[in-house]
Amino acid sequence: MLGQVGTAAKIPVIEALRGEGDRVGLVGLVDLARHSGVLVFASHADELVRALCTTAVWMDEGRVHTSGSPDHVLAAYANR
């Protein structure tokens, strides 16, 4: 699952955050998103995608399967 927060020129890419109690990592991501304007975040942690992202993209085998709000994409992914 990939998520997007805002828009800007510099785009940090994050792919590894556990989500279970990783408060320091979460605070760092929120701070990074605020300062950069964009955060590309790959995760299977639904709660982090909902907390950090305004737009989500479900990719399957290199292709966009579904995109939209985090709730919409997570629901589609859960019903696969």
Protein backbone atom coordinates (compact mmCIF):
# COMPACT_ATOMS: atom_id res chain seq x y z
CA MET A 1 0.00 0.00 0.00
CA LEU A 2 1.38 3.40 -0.91
CA GLY A 3 0.12 6.67 0.45
CA GLN A 4 0.60 10.32 -0.46
CA VAL A 5 0.51 13.37 1.79
CA GLY A 6 0.27 16.73 -0.02
CA THR A 7 2.56 17.88 -2.87
CA ALA A 8 6.15 19.21 -3.13
CA ALA A 9 9.40 18.80 -5.07
CA LYS A 10 11.40 16.66 -2.60
CA ILE A 11 9.75 13.30 -1.97
CA PRO A 12 10.93 11.07 0.89
CA VAL A 13 10.18 7.36 0.36
CA ILE A 14 9.52 5.20 3.43
CA GLU A 15 8.94 1.47 3.16
CA ALA A 16 9.71 -0.02 6.56
CA LEU A 17 7.79 0.89 9.68
CA ARG A 18 6.26 -1.80 11.84
CA GLY A 19 3.25 0.11 13.05
CA GLU A 20 2.90 -1.86 16.28
CA GLY A 21 4.02 0.62 18.92
CA ASP A 22 6.64 2.36 16.80
CA ARG A 23 5.74 5.80 18.23
CA VAL A 24 9.16 7.36 17.53
CA GLY A 25 8.91 6.30 13.89
CA LEU A 26 5.35 7.63 13.61
CA VAL A 27 6.26 11.00 15.13
CA GLY A 28 9.23 11.21 12.75
CA LEU A 29 7.03 10.44 9.74
CA VAL A 30 4.46 13.07 10.70
CA ASP A 31 7.24 15.63 11.12
CA LEU A 32 8.83 14.59 7.80
CA ALA A 33 5.49 14.86 5.99
CA ARG A 34 4.85 18.33 7.45
CA HIS A 35 8.24 19.65 6.39
CA SER A 36 8.52 18.01 2.96
CA GLY A 37 4.89 18.26 1.84
CA VAL A 38 5.02 14.79 0.23
CA LEU A 39 5.67 11.40 1.73
CA VAL A 40 5.61 8.19 -0.29
CA PHE A 41 4.89 5.55 2.30
CA ALA A 42 4.66 1.81 1.60
CA SER A 43 3.01 -0.22 4.34
CA HIS A 44 0.58 -2.99 5.18
CA ALA A 45 -0.24 -1.26 8.49
CA ASP A 46 -3.77 0.04 7.88
CA GLU A 47 -3.75 2.36 10.90
CA LEU A 48 -0.59 4.11 9.69
CA VAL A 49 -1.94 4.53 6.16
CA ARG A 50 -5.12 6.08 7.58
CA ALA A 51 -3.17 8.32 9.99
CA LEU A 52 -0.55 9.58 7.53
CA CYS A 53 -2.12 9.58 4.09
CA THR A 54 -4.66 11.62 2.18
CA THR A 55 -4.44 9.41 -0.92
CA ALA A 56 -3.64 5.70 -1.16
CA VAL A 57 -2.65 3.49 -4.09
CA TRP A 58 -2.83 -0.32 -4.09
CA MET A 59 -0.27 -1.69 -6.52
CA ASP A 60 -0.25 -5.31 -7.67
CA GLU A 61 2.57 -6.74 -9.79
CA GLY A 62 3.77 -3.25 -10.70
CA ARG A 63 0.35 -1.95 -11.79
CA VAL A 64 -2.12 0.35 -10.06
CA HIS A 65 -5.02 -1.81 -8.92
CA THR A 66 -7.02 0.83 -6.97
CA SER A 67 -6.43 4.43 -5.91
CA GLY A 68 -8.39 6.94 -3.86
CA SER A 69 -9.00 7.71 -0.22
CA PRO A 70 -7.20 5.46 2.28
CA ASP A 71 -10.57 4.01 3.44
CA HIS A 72 -11.60 3.19 -0.14
CA VAL A 73 -8.30 1.53 -1.05
CA LEU A 74 -7.97 -0.37 2.23
CA ALA A 75 -11.52 -1.72 1.86
CA ALA A 76 -10.76 -2.88 -1.69
CA TYR A 77 -7.54 -4.52 -0.51
CA ALA A 78 -9.32 -6.25 2.39
CA ASN A 79 -11.92 -7.69 -0.01
CA ARG A 80 -9.41 -9.02 -2.54
